[in-house]
Amino acid sequence: MTQTDVQDTAARQSATRQAAQEPFLPVMRELARTFQAFSAYDEDHIRQLNLTSPQFDVICTLGNTAGMTMGQLAEKTLVTKGTLTGIIDRLERKGLVRREVPPENRRCFMIVLTTEGDRVFEKVFPAHIAYLKERFGKLNEQELTEIEQALKKLRKLFS
């Protein structure tokens, strides 16, 4: 190894040690662990409701609406446009949604909950909120507000 190689290796090791000391790393780890814990808790209950998380998201987003275009639905859910078509297809096969072509714009279609979809929404949405409230209810209003504000501030850093 040349003197330059040794210096380069030492510089990289120093940079690595320095990076490992960044004060935001524990926050980043806790955020990831928190998201994983929440997702596991959330998804377990959604599966008990015989839905996947993306299906639940779509049904709850469509609930109490006259329907949405695929673009609107993709924007309002946590589902990417590429994945949304498959989710809508599966929900349509379950009889929970249907595609409607609006008379005023025949170039697009609306995704609408069926009567059965409305029934499912009215059953699963309040049940899931009650399930989540078991945990979130352990926080007072001030704590909830502080957490929400901190998360918004963090999100804005990456937007």
Protein backbone atom coordinates (compact mmCIF):
# COMPACT_ATOMS: atom_id res chain seq x y z
CA MET A 1 0.00 0.00 0.00
CA THR A 2 1.32 3.42 -0.90
CA GLN A 3 1.41 6.38 1.44
CA THR A 4 -1.48 7.93 -0.57
CA ASP A 5 -3.58 4.75 -0.17
CA VAL A 6 -2.98 4.76 3.58
CA GLN A 7 -3.99 8.43 3.79
CA ASP A 8 -7.11 7.83 1.68
CA THR A 9 -8.12 4.88 3.88
CA ALA A 10 -7.55 6.90 7.06
CA ALA A 11 -9.59 9.81 5.66
CA ARG A 12 -12.49 7.49 4.74
CA GLN A 13 -12.44 5.86 8.17
CA SER A 14 -12.43 9.27 9.84
CA ALA A 15 -15.37 10.42 7.69
CA THR A 16 -17.24 7.22 8.56
CA ARG A 17 -16.66 7.69 12.31
CA GLN A 18 -17.74 11.32 12.01
CA ALA A 19 -20.91 10.39 10.08
CA ALA A 20 -21.81 7.81 12.74
CA GLN A 21 -21.81 10.62 15.35
CA GLU A 22 -24.44 12.77 13.63
CA PRO A 23 -27.04 13.81 16.25
CA PHE A 24 -30.01 13.11 13.94
CA LEU A 25 -29.22 9.37 13.59
CA PRO A 26 -31.10 8.34 16.78
CA VAL A 27 -34.12 10.36 15.57
CA MET A 28 -33.98 8.65 12.18
CA ARG A 29 -33.74 5.20 13.79
CA GLU A 30 -36.63 5.94 16.16
CA LEU A 31 -38.77 7.26 13.31
CA ALA A 32 -38.16 4.05 11.34
CA ARG A 33 -38.86 1.85 14.38
CA THR A 34 -42.02 3.82 15.17
CA PHE A 35 -43.28 3.49 11.61
CA GLN A 36 -42.56 -0.25 11.62
CA ALA A 37 -44.37 -0.71 14.95
CA PHE A 38 -47.36 1.35 13.82
CA SER A 39 -47.54 -0.47 10.47
CA ALA A 40 -47.48 -3.88 12.12
CA TYR A 41 -50.23 -2.87 14.58
CA ASP A 42 -52.33 -1.17 11.88
CA GLU A 43 -51.96 -3.89 9.24
CA ASP A 44 -52.77 -6.70 11.67
CA HIS A 45 -56.21 -5.23 12.31
CA ILE A 46 -56.84 -4.38 8.65
CA ARG A 47 -56.11 -8.01 7.72
CA GLN A 48 -58.67 -9.10 10.33
CA LEU A 49 -61.16 -6.96 8.38
CA ASN A 50 -60.35 -9.07 5.26
CA LEU A 51 -58.65 -6.21 3.43
CA THR A 52 -55.12 -5.23 2.55
CA SER A 53 -53.81 -1.86 3.74
CA PRO A 54 -54.04 -0.33 0.23
CA GLN A 55 -57.61 -1.66 -0.21
CA PHE A 56 -58.56 -0.22 3.18
CA ASP A 57 -56.98 3.11 2.23
CA VAL A 58 -58.95 3.27 -1.03
CA ILE A 59 -62.27 2.31 0.59
CA CYS A 60 -61.83 4.85 3.39
CA THR A 61 -60.80 7.57 0.94
CA LEU A 62 -63.88 6.90 -1.22
CA GLY A 63 -66.19 6.66 1.81
CA ASN A 64 -68.66 9.53 2.13
CA THR A 65 -67.82 10.82 -1.36
CA ALA A 66 -69.56 10.67 -4.74
CA GLY A 67 -66.43 8.98 -6.11
CA MET A 68 -63.11 10.12 -7.52
CA THR A 69 -61.08 9.86 -10.68
CA MET A 70 -58.04 7.59 -10.57
CA GLY A 71 -55.82 10.69 -10.42
CA GLN A 72 -57.71 12.15 -7.47
CA LEU A 73 -57.69 8.81 -5.69
CA ALA A 74 -53.94 8.33 -6.23
CA GLU A 75 -53.31 11.84 -4.91
CA LYS A 76 -55.38 11.33 -1.75
CA THR A 77 -54.27 7.80 -0.85
CA LEU A 78 -50.92 6.36 0.06
CA VAL A 79 -51.06 4.29 -3.13
CA THR A 80 -49.00 4.98 -6.24
CA LYS A 81 -50.82 5.30 -9.57
CA GLY A 82 -49.07 2.21 -10.89
CA THR A 83 -50.39 0.10 -8.04
CA LEU A 84 -53.85 1.68 -7.92
CA THR A 85 -55.21 -0.02 -11.06
CA GLY A 86 -54.57 -3.49 -9.60
CA ILE A 87 -56.14 -2.51 -6.27
CA ILE A 88 -59.23 -1.15 -8.03
CA ASP A 89 -59.46 -4.32 -10.13
CA ARG A 90 -59.40 -6.49 -6.98
CA LEU A 91 -61.93 -4.29 -5.17
CA GLU A 92 -64.15 -4.42 -8.26
CA ARG A 93 -63.99 -8.24 -8.27
CA LYS A 94 -64.99 -8.18 -4.58
CA GLY A 95 -67.98 -6.01 -5.56
CA LEU A 96 -66.84 -3.08 -3.43
CA VAL A 97 -66.19 -0.49 -6.16
CA ARG A 98 -67.24 0.16 -9.72
CA ARG A 99 -65.95 2.32 -12.53
CA GLU A 100 -68.40 4.90 -13.90
CA VAL A 101 -67.94 7.12 -16.93
CA PRO A 102 -69.28 10.59 -16.11
CA PRO A 103 -71.53 11.97 -18.88
CA GLU A 104 -69.76 15.35 -18.79
CA ASN A 105 -66.31 13.85 -19.44
CA ARG A 106 -66.29 10.54 -21.28
CA ARG A 107 -62.46 10.50 -21.42
CA CYS A 108 -62.09 9.48 -17.77
CA PHE A 109 -63.96 7.41 -15.25
CA MET A 110 -64.90 7.71 -11.61
CA ILE A 111 -64.22 5.09 -8.98
CA VAL A 112 -67.32 4.78 -6.81
CA LEU A 113 -68.14 2.59 -3.82
CA THR A 114 -70.93 0.12 -4.52
CA THR A 115 -73.72 -0.43 -1.99
CA GLU A 116 -71.64 -3.29 -0.58
CA GLY A 117 -68.57 -1.01 -0.57
CA ASP A 118 -70.50 1.58 1.43
CA ARG A 119 -71.55 -1.14 3.86
CA VAL A 120 -67.94 -2.27 4.26
CA PHE A 121 -66.79 1.33 4.74
CA GLU A 122 -69.43 1.97 7.41
CA LYS A 123 -68.32 -1.19 9.21
CA VAL A 124 -64.52 -1.08 8.94
CA PHE A 125 -63.78 2.64 9.25
CA PRO A 126 -65.25 3.17 12.75
CA ALA A 127 -63.94 -0.23 13.87
CA HIS A 128 -60.41 0.63 12.80
CA ILE A 129 -60.54 4.11 14.32
CA ALA A 130 -61.64 2.55 17.62
CA TYR A 131 -58.77 0.04 17.32
CA LEU A 132 -56.22 2.84 16.78
CA LYS A 133 -57.78 4.91 19.57
CA GLU A 134 -56.77 2.15 22.02
CA ARG A 135 -53.19 3.34 21.51
CA PHE A 136 -53.56 7.00 20.50
CA GLY A 137 -56.00 7.50 23.39
CA LYS A 138 -53.04 7.10 25.76
CA LEU A 139 -51.78 10.50 24.58
CA ASN A 140 -53.37 13.77 25.67
CA GLU A 141 -54.35 16.51 23.21
CA GLN A 142 -51.19 18.51 23.82
CA GLU A 143 -49.00 15.48 23.16
CA LEU A 144 -50.89 14.69 19.97
CA THR A 145 -50.52 18.29 18.78
CA GLU A 146 -46.80 18.35 19.59
CA ILE A 147 -46.18 15.06 17.76
CA GLU A 148 -48.19 16.23 14.76
CA GLN A 149 -46.29 19.53 14.59
CA ALA A 150 -42.91 17.79 14.90
CA LEU A 151 -43.81 15.31 12.15
CA LYS A 152 -45.00 18.11 9.84
CA LYS A 153 -41.78 20.03 10.45
CA LEU A 154 -39.74 16.91 9.67
CA ARG A 155 -41.74 16.19 6.50
CA LYS A 156 -41.22 19.74 5.25
CA LEU A 157 -37.46 19.23 5.47
CA PHE A 158 -37.78 16.54 2.79
CA SER A 159 -40.40 18.20 0.59
